[in-house]
Amino acid sequence: MSQAVVGGLKSAGPIPERRPPPGERARPRPVSASAGLGALPLPVWRCKVCGYLCARDGPPEVCPICKAKKDRFERFI
């Protein structure tokens, strides 16, 4: 908020609507074939302790969230 609005010197205007019209929101969006799970360029690794996911060639040495060691990761996808 600007100080002019907070101080009462200026009134705040309405926020414009950014969502699509209601008819378009209800319609399911098409999903491309490349969006499937087989389209990932790298394997995904999951920490068995906290559930952290990362996509890379191998699991990280230490989980950045819970600090679990590399052996606590499993290949997720």
C-alpha atoms as a PDB file:
ATOM      1  CA  MET A   1       0.000   0.000   0.000  1.00  0.00           C
ATOM      2  CA  SER A   2       1.159   3.495  -0.642  1.00  0.00           C
ATOM      3  CA  GLN A   3       1.482   5.983   2.182  1.00  0.00           C
ATOM      4  CA  ALA A   4      -1.101   8.268   0.499  1.00  0.00           C
ATOM      5  CA  VAL A   5      -3.750   5.546   0.723  1.00  0.00           C
ATOM      6  CA  VAL A   6      -2.782   4.665   4.291  1.00  0.00           C
ATOM      7  CA  GLY A   7      -2.883   8.335   5.295  1.00  0.00           C
ATOM      8  CA  GLY A   8      -6.328   8.833   3.734  1.00  0.00           C
ATOM      9  CA  LEU A   9      -5.088  11.300   1.106  1.00  0.00           C
ATOM     10  CA  LYS A  10      -5.974   9.006  -1.764  1.00  0.00           C
ATOM     11  CA  SER A  11      -8.568   6.253  -2.142  1.00  0.00           C
ATOM     12  CA  ALA A  12      -7.607   2.820  -3.318  1.00  0.00           C
ATOM     13  CA  GLY A  13      -9.097   1.769  -6.636  1.00  0.00           C
ATOM     14  CA  PRO A  14     -10.624  -1.610  -7.420  1.00  0.00           C
ATOM     15  CA  ILE A  15      -8.371  -4.477  -8.378  1.00  0.00           C
ATOM     16  CA  PRO A  16      -9.058  -5.631 -11.967  1.00  0.00           C
ATOM     17  CA  GLU A  17     -10.342  -9.178 -12.475  1.00  0.00           C
ATOM     18  CA  ARG A  18      -7.586 -11.391 -13.903  1.00  0.00           C
ATOM     19  CA  ARG A  19      -9.302 -14.755 -13.831  1.00  0.00           C
ATOM     20  CA  PRO A  20     -10.810 -16.107 -17.040  1.00  0.00           C
ATOM     21  CA  PRO A  21     -14.593 -15.757 -17.419  1.00  0.00           C
ATOM     22  CA  PRO A  22     -16.615 -18.361 -15.455  1.00  0.00           C
ATOM     23  CA  GLY A  23     -17.403 -20.375 -18.601  1.00  0.00           C
ATOM     24  CA  GLU A  24     -13.715 -20.800 -19.403  1.00  0.00           C
ATOM     25  CA  ARG A  25     -12.799 -21.710 -15.823  1.00  0.00           C
ATOM     26  CA  ALA A  26     -15.233 -24.642 -15.802  1.00  0.00           C
ATOM     27  CA  ARG A  27     -13.896 -26.118 -19.042  1.00  0.00           C
ATOM     28  CA  PRO A  28     -11.171 -28.745 -18.627  1.00  0.00           C
ATOM     29  CA  ARG A  29      -7.946 -27.708 -20.269  1.00  0.00           C
ATOM     30  CA  PRO A  30      -6.332 -30.038 -22.799  1.00  0.00           C
ATOM     31  CA  VAL A  31      -3.252 -31.861 -21.568  1.00  0.00           C
ATOM     32  CA  SER A  32      -0.487 -32.562 -24.037  1.00  0.00           C
ATOM     33  CA  ALA A  33       1.071 -35.997 -24.316  1.00  0.00           C
ATOM     34  CA  SER A  34       4.444 -34.563 -23.340  1.00  0.00           C
ATOM     35  CA  ALA A  35       3.056 -33.594 -19.913  1.00  0.00           C
ATOM     36  CA  GLY A  36       2.901 -37.238 -18.816  1.00  0.00           C
ATOM     37  CA  LEU A  37       5.257 -38.797 -16.296  1.00  0.00           C
ATOM     38  CA  GLY A  38       7.388 -40.376 -19.008  1.00  0.00           C
ATOM     39  CA  ALA A  39       8.400 -36.945 -20.301  1.00  0.00           C
ATOM     40  CA  LEU A  40      10.728 -36.060 -17.419  1.00  0.00           C
ATOM     41  CA  PRO A  41      14.323 -35.621 -18.561  1.00  0.00           C
ATOM     42  CA  LEU A  42      15.798 -36.706 -15.194  1.00  0.00           C
ATOM     43  CA  PRO A  43      14.789 -39.233 -12.548  1.00  0.00           C
ATOM     44  CA  VAL A  44      13.005 -37.879  -9.472  1.00  0.00           C
ATOM     45  CA  TRP A  45      14.351 -38.791  -6.025  1.00  0.00           C
ATOM     46  CA  ARG A  46      12.259 -38.704  -2.828  1.00  0.00           C
ATOM     47  CA  CYS A  47      13.547 -38.409   0.724  1.00  0.00           C
ATOM     48  CA  LYS A  48      11.934 -41.185   2.772  1.00  0.00           C
ATOM     49  CA  VAL A  49      12.182 -39.056   5.912  1.00  0.00           C
ATOM     50  CA  CYS A  50      10.496 -35.781   4.911  1.00  0.00           C
ATOM     51  CA  GLY A  51       9.192 -36.364   1.358  1.00  0.00           C
ATOM     52  CA  TYR A  52      11.452 -33.800  -0.351  1.00  0.00           C
ATOM     53  CA  LEU A  53      11.518 -34.326  -4.143  1.00  0.00           C
ATOM     54  CA  CYS A  54      14.316 -33.410  -6.520  1.00  0.00           C
ATOM     55  CA  ALA A  55      14.932 -34.157 -10.191  1.00  0.00           C
ATOM     56  CA  ARG A  56      18.562 -34.974 -10.940  1.00  0.00           C
ATOM     57  CA  ASP A  57      20.804 -37.819 -12.103  1.00  0.00           C
ATOM     58  CA  GLY A  58      21.340 -39.140  -8.577  1.00  0.00           C
ATOM     59  CA  PRO A  59      20.117 -38.400  -5.069  1.00  0.00           C
ATOM     60  CA  PRO A  60      21.713 -35.496  -3.198  1.00  0.00           C
ATOM     61  CA  GLU A  61      24.376 -36.270  -0.607  1.00  0.00           C
ATOM     62  CA  VAL A  62      22.257 -34.650   2.128  1.00  0.00           C
ATOM     63  CA  CYS A  63      18.566 -33.669   2.103  1.00  0.00           C
ATOM     64  CA  PRO A  64      18.341 -29.851   2.158  1.00  0.00           C
ATOM     65  CA  ILE A  65      15.180 -30.027   4.294  1.00  0.00           C
ATOM     66  CA  CYS A  66      15.789 -32.639   7.001  1.00  0.00           C
ATOM     67  CA  LYS A  67      19.536 -33.344   6.535  1.00  0.00           C
ATOM     68  CA  ALA A  68      19.001 -37.082   5.935  1.00  0.00           C
ATOM     69  CA  LYS A  69      21.897 -38.848   4.195  1.00  0.00           C
ATOM     70  CA  LYS A  70      21.958 -40.050   0.584  1.00  0.00           C
ATOM     71  CA  ASP A  71      20.949 -43.616   1.493  1.00  0.00           C
ATOM     72  CA  ARG A  72      17.533 -42.373   2.741  1.00  0.00           C
ATOM     73  CA  PHE A  73      16.469 -41.376  -0.808  1.00  0.00           C
ATOM     74  CA  GLU A  74      14.510 -43.613  -3.160  1.00  0.00           C
ATOM     75  CA  ARG A  75      13.797 -43.239  -6.847  1.00  0.00           C
ATOM     76  CA  PHE A  76      10.299 -41.784  -7.102  1.00  0.00           C
ATOM     77  CA  ILE A  77       9.778 -41.680 -10.870  1.00  0.00           C
END
